[in-house]
Amino acid sequence: LIENVLKLYSNKLKAKNIRVEREFSQCPPI
């Protein structure tokens, strides 16, 4: 879900050259 949202705001993030750091541990769905 987070990756889909980041794709949605990819243009906004690129415009400000924002670096996104991810740390996704193994976790079950909700």
ModelCIF file with pLDDT and N, C-alpha, C, O atoms, coordinates in Angstrom:
data_MODEL
#
_entry.id   MODEL 
#
_entity.id                         1 
_entity.type                       polymer 
_entity.pdbx_number_of_molecules   1 
#
_entity_poly.entity_id                      1 
_entity_poly.type                           'polypeptide(L)' 
_entity_poly.nstd_linkage                   no 
_entity_poly.nstd_monomer                   no 
_entity_poly.pdbx_seq_one_letter_code       LIENVLKLYSNKLKAKNIRVEREFSQCPPI 
_entity_poly.pdbx_seq_one_letter_code_can   LIENVLKLYSNKLKAKNIRVEREFSQCPPI 
_entity_poly.pdbx_strand_id                 A 
#
loop_
_entity_poly_seq.entity_id 
_entity_poly_seq.num 
_entity_poly_seq.mon_id 
_entity_poly_seq.hetero 
1 1  LEU n 
1 2  ILE n 
1 3  GLU n 
1 4  ASN n 
1 5  VAL n 
1 6  LEU n 
1 7  LYS n 
1 8  LEU n 
1 9  TYR n 
1 10 SER n 
1 11 ASN n 
1 12 LYS n 
1 13 LEU n 
1 14 LYS n 
1 15 ALA n 
1 16 LYS n 
1 17 ASN n 
1 18 ILE n 
1 19 ARG n 
1 20 VAL n 
1 21 GLU n 
1 22 ARG n 
1 23 GLU n 
1 24 PHE n 
1 25 SER n 
1 26 GLN n 
1 27 CYS n 
1 28 PRO n 
1 29 PRO n 
1 30 ILE n 
#
_struct_asym.id          A 
_struct_asym.entity_id   1 
#
loop_
_ma_qa_metric.id 
_ma_qa_metric.mode 
_ma_qa_metric.name 
_ma_qa_metric.software_group_id 
_ma_qa_metric.type 
1 global pLDDT . pLDDT 
2 local  pLDDT . pLDDT 
#
_ma_qa_metric_global.metric_id      1 
_ma_qa_metric_global.metric_value   87.80 
_ma_qa_metric_global.model_id       1 
_ma_qa_metric_global.ordinal_id     1 
#
loop_
_ma_qa_metric_local.label_asym_id 
_ma_qa_metric_local.label_comp_id 
_ma_qa_metric_local.label_seq_id 
_ma_qa_metric_local.metric_id 
_ma_qa_metric_local.metric_value 
_ma_qa_metric_local.model_id 
_ma_qa_metric_local.ordinal_id 
A LEU 1  2 91.00 1 1  
A ILE 2  2 91.00 1 2  
A GLU 3  2 90.00 1 3  
A ASN 4  2 87.00 1 4  
A VAL 5  2 87.00 1 5  
A LEU 6  2 88.00 1 6  
A LYS 7  2 85.00 1 7  
A LEU 8  2 77.00 1 8  
A TYR 9  2 82.00 1 9  
A SER 10 2 83.00 1 10 
A ASN 11 2 79.00 1 11 
A LYS 12 2 82.00 1 12 
A LEU 13 2 88.00 1 13 
A LYS 14 2 87.00 1 14 
A ALA 15 2 84.00 1 15 
A LYS 16 2 88.00 1 16 
A ASN 17 2 91.00 1 17 
A ILE 18 2 91.00 1 18 
A ARG 19 2 92.00 1 19 
A VAL 20 2 92.00 1 20 
A GLU 21 2 92.00 1 21 
A ARG 22 2 92.00 1 22 
A GLU 23 2 92.00 1 23 
A PHE 24 2 92.00 1 24 
A SER 25 2 89.00 1 25 
A GLN 26 2 87.00 1 26 
A CYS 27 2 87.00 1 27 
A PRO 28 2 88.00 1 28 
A PRO 29 2 90.00 1 29 
A ILE 30 2 90.00 1 30 
#
loop_
_atom_site.group_PDB 
_atom_site.id 
_atom_site.type_symbol 
_atom_site.label_atom_id 
_atom_site.label_alt_id 
_atom_site.label_comp_id 
_atom_site.label_asym_id 
_atom_site.label_entity_id 
_atom_site.label_seq_id 
_atom_site.pdbx_PDB_ins_code 
_atom_site.Cartn_x 
_atom_site.Cartn_y 
_atom_site.Cartn_z 
_atom_site.occupancy 
_atom_site.B_iso_or_equiv 
_atom_site.pdbx_formal_charge 
_atom_site.auth_seq_id 
_atom_site.auth_comp_id 
_atom_site.auth_asym_id 
_atom_site.auth_atom_id 
_atom_site.pdbx_PDB_model_num 
ATOM 1   N N  . LEU A 1 1  ? 0.841  -1.211 0.000  1.00 91.00 ? 1  LEU A N  1 
ATOM 2   C CA . LEU A 1 1  ? 0.000  0.000  0.000  1.00 91.00 ? 1  LEU A CA 1 
ATOM 3   C C  . LEU A 1 1  ? 0.867  1.248  0.000  1.00 91.00 ? 1  LEU A C  1 
ATOM 4   O O  . LEU A 1 1  ? 0.563  2.217  -0.695 1.00 91.00 ? 1  LEU A O  1 
ATOM 5   N N  . ILE A 1 2  ? 1.959  1.229  0.786  1.00 91.00 ? 2  ILE A N  1 
ATOM 6   C CA . ILE A 1 2  ? 2.840  2.400  0.870  1.00 91.00 ? 2  ILE A CA 1 
ATOM 7   C C  . ILE A 1 2  ? 3.530  2.652  -0.459 1.00 91.00 ? 2  ILE A C  1 
ATOM 8   O O  . ILE A 1 2  ? 3.653  3.800  -0.887 1.00 91.00 ? 2  ILE A O  1 
ATOM 9   N N  . GLU A 1 3  ? 3.980  1.591  -1.115 1.00 90.00 ? 3  GLU A N  1 
ATOM 10  C CA . GLU A 1 3  ? 4.643  1.757  -2.400 1.00 90.00 ? 3  GLU A CA 1 
ATOM 11  C C  . GLU A 1 3  ? 3.694  2.378  -3.423 1.00 90.00 ? 3  GLU A C  1 
ATOM 12  O O  . GLU A 1 3  ? 4.102  3.224  -4.218 1.00 90.00 ? 3  GLU A O  1 
ATOM 13  N N  . ASN A 1 4  ? 2.434  1.962  -3.402 1.00 87.00 ? 4  ASN A N  1 
ATOM 14  C CA . ASN A 1 4  ? 1.455  2.542  -4.322 1.00 87.00 ? 4  ASN A CA 1 
ATOM 15  C C  . ASN A 1 4  ? 1.273  4.029  -4.070 1.00 87.00 ? 4  ASN A C  1 
ATOM 16  O O  . ASN A 1 4  ? 1.154  4.820  -5.006 1.00 87.00 ? 4  ASN A O  1 
ATOM 17  N N  . VAL A 1 5  ? 1.251  4.410  -2.767 1.00 87.00 ? 5  VAL A N  1 
ATOM 18  C CA . VAL A 1 5  ? 1.095  5.834  -2.433 1.00 87.00 ? 5  VAL A CA 1 
ATOM 19  C C  . VAL A 1 5  ? 2.322  6.614  -2.886 1.00 87.00 ? 5  VAL A C  1 
ATOM 20  O O  . VAL A 1 5  ? 2.190  7.723  -3.402 1.00 87.00 ? 5  VAL A O  1 
ATOM 21  N N  . LEU A 1 6  ? 3.523  6.044  -2.699 1.00 88.00 ? 6  LEU A N  1 
ATOM 22  C CA . LEU A 1 6  ? 4.752  6.726  -3.119 1.00 88.00 ? 6  LEU A CA 1 
ATOM 23  C C  . LEU A 1 6  ? 4.765  6.927  -4.619 1.00 88.00 ? 6  LEU A C  1 
ATOM 24  O O  . LEU A 1 6  ? 5.229  7.958  -5.104 1.00 88.00 ? 6  LEU A O  1 
ATOM 25  N N  . LYS A 1 7  ? 4.249  5.931  -5.377 1.00 85.00 ? 7  LYS A N  1 
ATOM 26  C CA . LYS A 1 7  ? 4.146  6.111  -6.828 1.00 85.00 ? 7  LYS A CA 1 
ATOM 27  C C  . LYS A 1 7  ? 3.239  7.283  -7.158 1.00 85.00 ? 7  LYS A C  1 
ATOM 28  O O  . LYS A 1 7  ? 3.504  8.043  -8.090 1.00 85.00 ? 7  LYS A O  1 
ATOM 29  N N  . LEU A 1 8  ? 2.160  7.426  -6.382 1.00 77.00 ? 8  LEU A N  1 
ATOM 30  C CA . LEU A 1 8  ? 1.214  8.512  -6.625 1.00 77.00 ? 8  LEU A CA 1 
ATOM 31  C C  . LEU A 1 8  ? 1.876  9.875  -6.441 1.00 77.00 ? 8  LEU A C  1 
ATOM 32  O O  . LEU A 1 8  ? 1.608  10.817 -7.187 1.00 77.00 ? 8  LEU A O  1 
ATOM 33  N N  . TYR A 1 9  ? 2.762  9.964  -5.414 1.00 82.00 ? 9  TYR A N  1 
ATOM 34  C CA . TYR A 1 9  ? 3.397  11.251 -5.119 1.00 82.00 ? 9  TYR A CA 1 
ATOM 35  C C  . TYR A 1 9  ? 4.820  11.316 -5.684 1.00 82.00 ? 9  TYR A C  1 
ATOM 36  O O  . TYR A 1 9  ? 5.626  12.132 -5.235 1.00 82.00 ? 9  TYR A O  1 
ATOM 37  N N  . SER A 1 10 ? 5.138  10.452 -6.675 1.00 83.00 ? 10 SER A N  1 
ATOM 38  C CA . SER A 1 10 ? 6.496  10.415 -7.210 1.00 83.00 ? 10 SER A CA 1 
ATOM 39  C C  . SER A 1 10 ? 6.899  11.756 -7.827 1.00 83.00 ? 10 SER A C  1 
ATOM 40  O O  . SER A 1 10 ? 8.025  12.215 -7.635 1.00 83.00 ? 10 SER A O  1 
ATOM 41  N N  . ASN A 1 11 ? 5.992  12.375 -8.556 1.00 79.00 ? 11 ASN A N  1 
ATOM 42  C CA . ASN A 1 11 ? 6.331  13.662 -9.164 1.00 79.00 ? 11 ASN A CA 1 
ATOM 43  C C  . ASN A 1 11 ? 6.608  14.729 -8.111 1.00 79.00 ? 11 ASN A C  1 
ATOM 44  O O  . ASN A 1 11 ? 7.525  15.535 -8.264 1.00 79.00 ? 11 ASN A O  1 
ATOM 45  N N  . LYS A 1 12 ? 5.817  14.733 -7.046 1.00 82.00 ? 12 LYS A N  1 
ATOM 46  C CA . LYS A 1 12 ? 5.997  15.722 -5.963 1.00 82.00 ? 12 LYS A CA 1 
ATOM 47  C C  . LYS A 1 12 ? 7.327  15.504 -5.253 1.00 82.00 ? 12 LYS A C  1 
ATOM 48  O O  . LYS A 1 12 ? 8.019  16.457 -4.897 1.00 82.00 ? 12 LYS A O  1 
ATOM 49  N N  . LEU A 1 13 ? 7.672  14.235 -5.053 1.00 88.00 ? 13 LEU A N  1 
ATOM 50  C CA . LEU A 1 13 ? 8.927  13.917 -4.376 1.00 88.00 ? 13 LEU A CA 1 
ATOM 51  C C  . LEU A 1 13 ? 10.117 14.277 -5.257 1.00 88.00 ? 13 LEU A C  1 
ATOM 52  O O  . LEU A 1 13 ? 11.124 14.784 -4.763 1.00 88.00 ? 13 LEU A O  1 
ATOM 53  N N  . LYS A 1 14 ? 10.008 14.017 -6.563 1.00 87.00 ? 14 LYS A N  1 
ATOM 54  C CA . LYS A 1 14 ? 11.104 14.342 -7.472 1.00 87.00 ? 14 LYS A CA 1 
ATOM 55  C C  . LYS A 1 14 ? 11.280 15.856 -7.582 1.00 87.00 ? 14 LYS A C  1 
ATOM 56  O O  . LYS A 1 14 ? 12.406 16.337 -7.705 1.00 87.00 ? 14 LYS A O  1 
ATOM 57  N N  . ALA A 1 15 ? 10.185 16.606 -7.539 1.00 84.00 ? 15 ALA A N  1 
ATOM 58  C CA . ALA A 1 15 ? 10.279 18.060 -7.685 1.00 84.00 ? 15 ALA A CA 1 
ATOM 59  C C  . ALA A 1 15 ? 11.116 18.684 -6.568 1.00 84.00 ? 15 ALA A C  1 
ATOM 60  O O  . ALA A 1 15 ? 11.795 19.684 -6.799 1.00 84.00 ? 15 ALA A O  1 
ATOM 61  N N  . LYS A 1 16 ? 11.079 18.121 -5.382 1.00 88.00 ? 16 LYS A N  1 
ATOM 62  C CA . LYS A 1 16 ? 11.855 18.653 -4.254 1.00 88.00 ? 16 LYS A CA 1 
ATOM 63  C C  . LYS A 1 16 ? 13.080 17.806 -3.959 1.00 88.00 ? 16 LYS A C  1 
ATOM 64  O O  . LYS A 1 16 ? 13.768 18.017 -2.960 1.00 88.00 ? 16 LYS A O  1 
ATOM 65  N N  . ASN A 1 17 ? 13.354 16.824 -4.856 1.00 91.00 ? 17 ASN A N  1 
ATOM 66  C CA . ASN A 1 17 ? 14.521 15.947 -4.689 1.00 91.00 ? 17 ASN A CA 1 
ATOM 67  C C  . ASN A 1 17 ? 14.514 15.321 -3.287 1.00 91.00 ? 17 ASN A C  1 
ATOM 68  O O  . ASN A 1 17 ? 15.535 15.305 -2.599 1.00 91.00 ? 17 ASN A O  1 
ATOM 69  N N  . ILE A 1 18 ? 13.353 14.810 -2.878 1.00 91.00 ? 18 ILE A N  1 
ATOM 70  C CA . ILE A 1 18 ? 13.192 14.217 -1.547 1.00 91.00 ? 18 ILE A CA 1 
ATOM 71  C C  . ILE A 1 18 ? 13.613 12.757 -1.610 1.00 91.00 ? 18 ILE A C  1 
ATOM 72  O O  . ILE A 1 18 ? 13.182 12.002 -2.481 1.00 91.00 ? 18 ILE A O  1 
ATOM 73  N N  . ARG A 1 19 ? 14.460 12.382 -0.671 1.00 92.00 ? 19 ARG A N  1 
ATOM 74  C CA . ARG A 1 19 ? 14.922 10.999 -0.570 1.00 92.00 ? 19 ARG A CA 1 
ATOM 75  C C  . ARG A 1 19 ? 14.019 10.243 0.393  1.00 92.00 ? 19 ARG A C  1 
ATOM 76  O O  . ARG A 1 19 ? 13.764 10.700 1.508  1.00 92.00 ? 19 ARG A O  1 
ATOM 77  N N  . VAL A 1 20 ? 13.530 9.069  -0.050 1.00 92.00 ? 20 VAL A N  1 
ATOM 78  C CA . VAL A 1 20 ? 12.641 8.243  0.766  1.00 92.00 ? 20 VAL A CA 1 
ATOM 79  C C  . VAL A 1 20 ? 13.419 7.015  1.221  1.00 92.00 ? 20 VAL A C  1 
ATOM 80  O O  . VAL A 1 20 ? 13.889 6.219  0.408  1.00 92.00 ? 20 VAL A O  1 
ATOM 81  N N  . GLU A 1 21 ? 13.545 6.878  2.560  1.00 92.00 ? 21 GLU A N  1 
ATOM 82  C CA . GLU A 1 21 ? 14.218 5.714  3.128  1.00 92.00 ? 21 GLU A CA 1 
ATOM 83  C C  . GLU A 1 21 ? 13.168 4.740  3.626  1.00 92.00 ? 21 GLU A C  1 
ATOM 84  O O  . GLU A 1 21 ? 12.262 5.117  4.369  1.00 92.00 ? 21 GLU A O  1 
ATOM 85  N N  . ARG A 1 22 ? 13.291 3.472  3.211  1.00 92.00 ? 22 ARG A N  1 
ATOM 86  C CA . ARG A 1 22 ? 12.307 2.466  3.594  1.00 92.00 ? 22 ARG A CA 1 
ATOM 87  C C  . ARG A 1 22 ? 12.960 1.449  4.519  1.00 92.00 ? 22 ARG A C  1 
ATOM 88  O O  . ARG A 1 22 ? 14.117 1.069  4.338  1.00 92.00 ? 22 ARG A O  1 
ATOM 89  N N  . GLU A 1 23 ? 12.201 1.023  5.502  1.00 92.00 ? 23 GLU A N  1 
ATOM 90  C CA . GLU A 1 23 ? 12.644 -0.065 6.394  1.00 92.00 ? 23 GLU A CA 1 
ATOM 91  C C  . GLU A 1 23 ? 11.418 -0.916 6.691  1.00 92.00 ? 23 GLU A C  1 
ATOM 92  O O  . GLU A 1 23 ? 10.712 -0.696 7.675  1.00 92.00 ? 23 GLU A O  1 
ATOM 93  N N  . PHE A 1 24 ? 11.181 -1.890 5.823  1.00 92.00 ? 24 PHE A N  1 
ATOM 94  C CA . PHE A 1 24 ? 10.002 -2.745 5.937  1.00 92.00 ? 24 PHE A CA 1 
ATOM 95  C C  . PHE A 1 24 ? 10.426 -4.107 6.509  1.00 92.00 ? 24 PHE A C  1 
ATOM 96  O O  . PHE A 1 24 ? 11.096 -4.888 5.833  1.00 92.00 ? 24 PHE A O  1 
ATOM 97  N N  . SER A 1 25 ? 10.041 -4.374 7.724  1.00 89.00 ? 25 SER A N  1 
ATOM 98  C CA . SER A 1 25 ? 10.327 -5.675 8.349  1.00 89.00 ? 25 SER A CA 1 
ATOM 99  C C  . SER A 1 25 ? 9.240  -6.669 7.964  1.00 89.00 ? 25 SER A C  1 
ATOM 100 O O  . SER A 1 25 ? 8.181  -6.302 7.455  1.00 89.00 ? 25 SER A O  1 
ATOM 101 N N  . GLN A 1 26 ? 9.542  -7.964 8.228  1.00 87.00 ? 26 GLN A N  1 
ATOM 102 C CA . GLN A 1 26 ? 8.539  -8.996 7.975  1.00 87.00 ? 26 GLN A CA 1 
ATOM 103 C C  . GLN A 1 26 ? 7.357  -8.787 8.921  1.00 87.00 ? 26 GLN A C  1 
ATOM 104 O O  . GLN A 1 26 ? 7.529  -8.777 10.140 1.00 87.00 ? 26 GLN A O  1 
ATOM 105 N N  . CYS A 1 27 ? 6.184  -8.625 8.372  1.00 87.00 ? 27 CYS A N  1 
ATOM 106 C CA . CYS A 1 27 ? 4.992  -8.427 9.194  1.00 87.00 ? 27 CYS A CA 1 
ATOM 107 C C  . CYS A 1 27 ? 3.781  -8.965 8.449  1.00 87.00 ? 27 CYS A C  1 
ATOM 108 O O  . CYS A 1 27 ? 3.755  -8.951 7.218  1.00 87.00 ? 27 CYS A O  1 
ATOM 109 N N  . PRO A 1 28 ? 2.792  -9.431 9.169  1.00 88.00 ? 28 PRO A N  1 
ATOM 110 C CA . PRO A 1 28 ? 1.593  -9.978 8.529  1.00 88.00 ? 28 PRO A CA 1 
ATOM 111 C C  . PRO A 1 28 ? 0.703  -8.864 8.003  1.00 88.00 ? 28 PRO A C  1 
ATOM 112 O O  . PRO A 1 28 ? 0.845  -7.714 8.417  1.00 88.00 ? 28 PRO A O  1 
ATOM 113 N N  . PRO A 1 29 ? -0.201 -9.183 7.107  1.00 90.00 ? 29 PRO A N  1 
ATOM 114 C CA . PRO A 1 29 ? -1.168 -8.177 6.642  1.00 90.00 ? 29 PRO A CA 1 
ATOM 115 C C  . PRO A 1 29 ? -2.165 -7.841 7.753  1.00 90.00 ? 29 PRO A C  1 
ATOM 116 O O  . PRO A 1 29 ? -2.245 -8.534 8.767  1.00 90.00 ? 29 PRO A O  1 
ATOM 117 N N  . ILE A 1 30 ? -2.908 -6.784 7.542  1.00 90.00 ? 30 ILE A N  1 
ATOM 118 C CA . ILE A 1 30 ? -3.928 -6.376 8.497  1.00 90.00 ? 30 ILE A CA 1 
ATOM 119 C C  . ILE A 1 30 ? -5.285 -6.419 7.829  1.00 90.00 ? 30 ILE A C  1 
ATOM 120 O O  . ILE A 1 30 ? -6.294 -6.110 8.462  1.00 90.00 ? 30 ILE A O  1 
#
